[in-house]
Amino acid sequence: MQGTPEKDTPWKLIAFGALAVYAILIVLFNRKQVDVSFVFFSAEISLLVLILLCVGIGFAAGFLFDQLRGRRKRQRSGP
């Protein structure tokens, strides 16, 4: 019995498309300008930029904490 092989569902393409739509919606819904106080100065920035800034600060803090924890583990284990 000959037939065309059944095509697999392109899950990666569907997931990428869904993420792209989600990213576009985030941008569209967070275009509002907000006032932010950065301790020494204030600025009016897009809410999306503020969200990305907070995510970046959180990522950097997590990375630095992990580095500090790794250094402490190496010091305790000794040479």
C-alpha atoms as a PDB file:
ATOM      1  CA  MET A   1       0.000   0.000   0.000  1.00  0.00           C
ATOM      2  CA  GLN A   2       1.637   3.176  -1.170  1.00  0.00           C
ATOM      3  CA  GLY A   3       0.715   6.565   0.146  1.00  0.00           C
ATOM      4  CA  THR A   4       2.287   9.826   1.025  1.00  0.00           C
ATOM      5  CA  PRO A   5       4.094   9.794   4.323  1.00  0.00           C
ATOM      6  CA  GLU A   6       2.182  11.444   7.102  1.00  0.00           C
ATOM      7  CA  LYS A   7       3.599  14.893   7.768  1.00  0.00           C
ATOM      8  CA  ASP A   8       4.608  15.680  11.312  1.00  0.00           C
ATOM      9  CA  THR A   9       3.105  18.694  12.995  1.00  0.00           C
ATOM     10  CA  PRO A  10       5.710  21.513  12.999  1.00  0.00           C
ATOM     11  CA  TRP A  11       5.593  22.080  16.775  1.00  0.00           C
ATOM     12  CA  LYS A  12       8.690  24.262  16.797  1.00  0.00           C
ATOM     13  CA  LEU A  13       7.191  26.583  14.201  1.00  0.00           C
ATOM     14  CA  ILE A  14       3.880  26.735  16.070  1.00  0.00           C
ATOM     15  CA  ALA A  15       5.668  27.480  19.365  1.00  0.00           C
ATOM     16  CA  PHE A  16       7.789  30.179  17.699  1.00  0.00           C
ATOM     17  CA  GLY A  17       4.689  31.760  16.151  1.00  0.00           C
ATOM     18  CA  ALA A  18       2.865  31.723  19.489  1.00  0.00           C
ATOM     19  CA  LEU A  19       5.857  33.343  21.228  1.00  0.00           C
ATOM     20  CA  ALA A  20       6.090  35.974  18.492  1.00  0.00           C
ATOM     21  CA  VAL A  21       2.401  36.844  18.863  1.00  0.00           C
ATOM     22  CA  TYR A  22       2.834  36.967  22.658  1.00  0.00           C
ATOM     23  CA  ALA A  23       5.842  39.294  22.325  1.00  0.00           C
ATOM     24  CA  ILE A  24       3.902  41.606  19.999  1.00  0.00           C
ATOM     25  CA  LEU A  25       0.995  41.712  22.460  1.00  0.00           C
ATOM     26  CA  ILE A  26       3.364  42.562  25.324  1.00  0.00           C
ATOM     27  CA  VAL A  27       4.762  45.459  23.312  1.00  0.00           C
ATOM     28  CA  LEU A  28       1.317  46.722  22.313  1.00  0.00           C
ATOM     29  CA  PHE A  29      -0.170  46.522  25.821  1.00  0.00           C
ATOM     30  CA  ASN A  30       2.836  48.105  27.566  1.00  0.00           C
ATOM     31  CA  ARG A  31       3.392  51.227  25.466  1.00  0.00           C
ATOM     32  CA  LYS A  32       2.156  53.536  28.232  1.00  0.00           C
ATOM     33  CA  GLN A  33       4.694  56.075  29.528  1.00  0.00           C
ATOM     34  CA  VAL A  34       5.404  55.962  33.274  1.00  0.00           C
ATOM     35  CA  ASP A  35       7.446  58.143  35.624  1.00  0.00           C
ATOM     36  CA  VAL A  36      10.269  56.258  37.313  1.00  0.00           C
ATOM     37  CA  SER A  37      12.531  57.516  40.094  1.00  0.00           C
ATOM     38  CA  PHE A  38      16.075  56.140  39.818  1.00  0.00           C
ATOM     39  CA  VAL A  39      17.164  57.490  43.259  1.00  0.00           C
ATOM     40  CA  PHE A  40      19.427  60.210  41.789  1.00  0.00           C
ATOM     41  CA  PHE A  41      17.203  61.208  38.870  1.00  0.00           C
ATOM     42  CA  SER A  42      13.724  60.645  37.447  1.00  0.00           C
ATOM     43  CA  ALA A  43      12.700  59.738  33.940  1.00  0.00           C
ATOM     44  CA  GLU A  44       9.581  59.090  31.915  1.00  0.00           C
ATOM     45  CA  ILE A  45       9.996  55.784  30.092  1.00  0.00           C
ATOM     46  CA  SER A  46       7.833  53.175  28.437  1.00  0.00           C
ATOM     47  CA  LEU A  47       6.391  50.536  30.738  1.00  0.00           C
ATOM     48  CA  LEU A  48       7.927  47.868  28.491  1.00  0.00           C
ATOM     49  CA  VAL A  49      11.386  49.362  28.962  1.00  0.00           C
ATOM     50  CA  LEU A  50      10.818  49.373  32.721  1.00  0.00           C
ATOM     51  CA  ILE A  51       9.787  45.704  32.649  1.00  0.00           C
ATOM     52  CA  LEU A  52      12.851  44.770  30.593  1.00  0.00           C
ATOM     53  CA  LEU A  53      15.080  46.790  32.919  1.00  0.00           C
ATOM     54  CA  CYS A  54      13.710  44.946  35.960  1.00  0.00           C
ATOM     55  CA  VAL A  55      14.165  41.578  34.252  1.00  0.00           C
ATOM     56  CA  GLY A  56      17.761  42.505  33.373  1.00  0.00           C
ATOM     57  CA  ILE A  57      18.529  43.631  36.928  1.00  0.00           C
ATOM     58  CA  GLY A  58      17.025  40.410  38.280  1.00  0.00           C
ATOM     59  CA  PHE A  59      19.047  38.306  35.853  1.00  0.00           C
ATOM     60  CA  ALA A  60      22.269  40.141  36.757  1.00  0.00           C
ATOM     61  CA  ALA A  61      21.572  39.798  40.494  1.00  0.00           C
ATOM     62  CA  GLY A  62      20.901  36.071  40.114  1.00  0.00           C
ATOM     63  CA  PHE A  63      24.076  35.594  38.076  1.00  0.00           C
ATOM     64  CA  LEU A  64      26.188  37.484  40.614  1.00  0.00           C
ATOM     65  CA  PHE A  65      24.622  35.573  43.522  1.00  0.00           C
ATOM     66  CA  ASP A  66      25.415  32.281  41.780  1.00  0.00           C
ATOM     67  CA  GLN A  67      29.023  33.389  41.231  1.00  0.00           C
ATOM     68  CA  LEU A  68      29.357  34.372  44.896  1.00  0.00           C
ATOM     69  CA  ARG A  69      27.880  31.066  46.046  1.00  0.00           C
ATOM     70  CA  GLY A  70      30.251  29.131  43.759  1.00  0.00           C
ATOM     71  CA  ARG A  71      33.249  31.064  45.099  1.00  0.00           C
ATOM     72  CA  ARG A  72      32.236  30.294  48.682  1.00  0.00           C
ATOM     73  CA  LYS A  73      31.854  26.590  47.878  1.00  0.00           C
ATOM     74  CA  ARG A  74      35.340  26.514  46.319  1.00  0.00           C
ATOM     75  CA  GLN A  75      36.844  28.280  49.357  1.00  0.00           C
ATOM     76  CA  ARG A  76      35.236  25.798  51.783  1.00  0.00           C
ATOM     77  CA  SER A  77      36.405  22.751  49.864  1.00  0.00           C
ATOM     78  CA  GLY A  78      39.986  24.034  49.876  1.00  0.00           C
ATOM     79  CA  PRO A  79      42.882  23.167  47.579  1.00  0.00           C
END
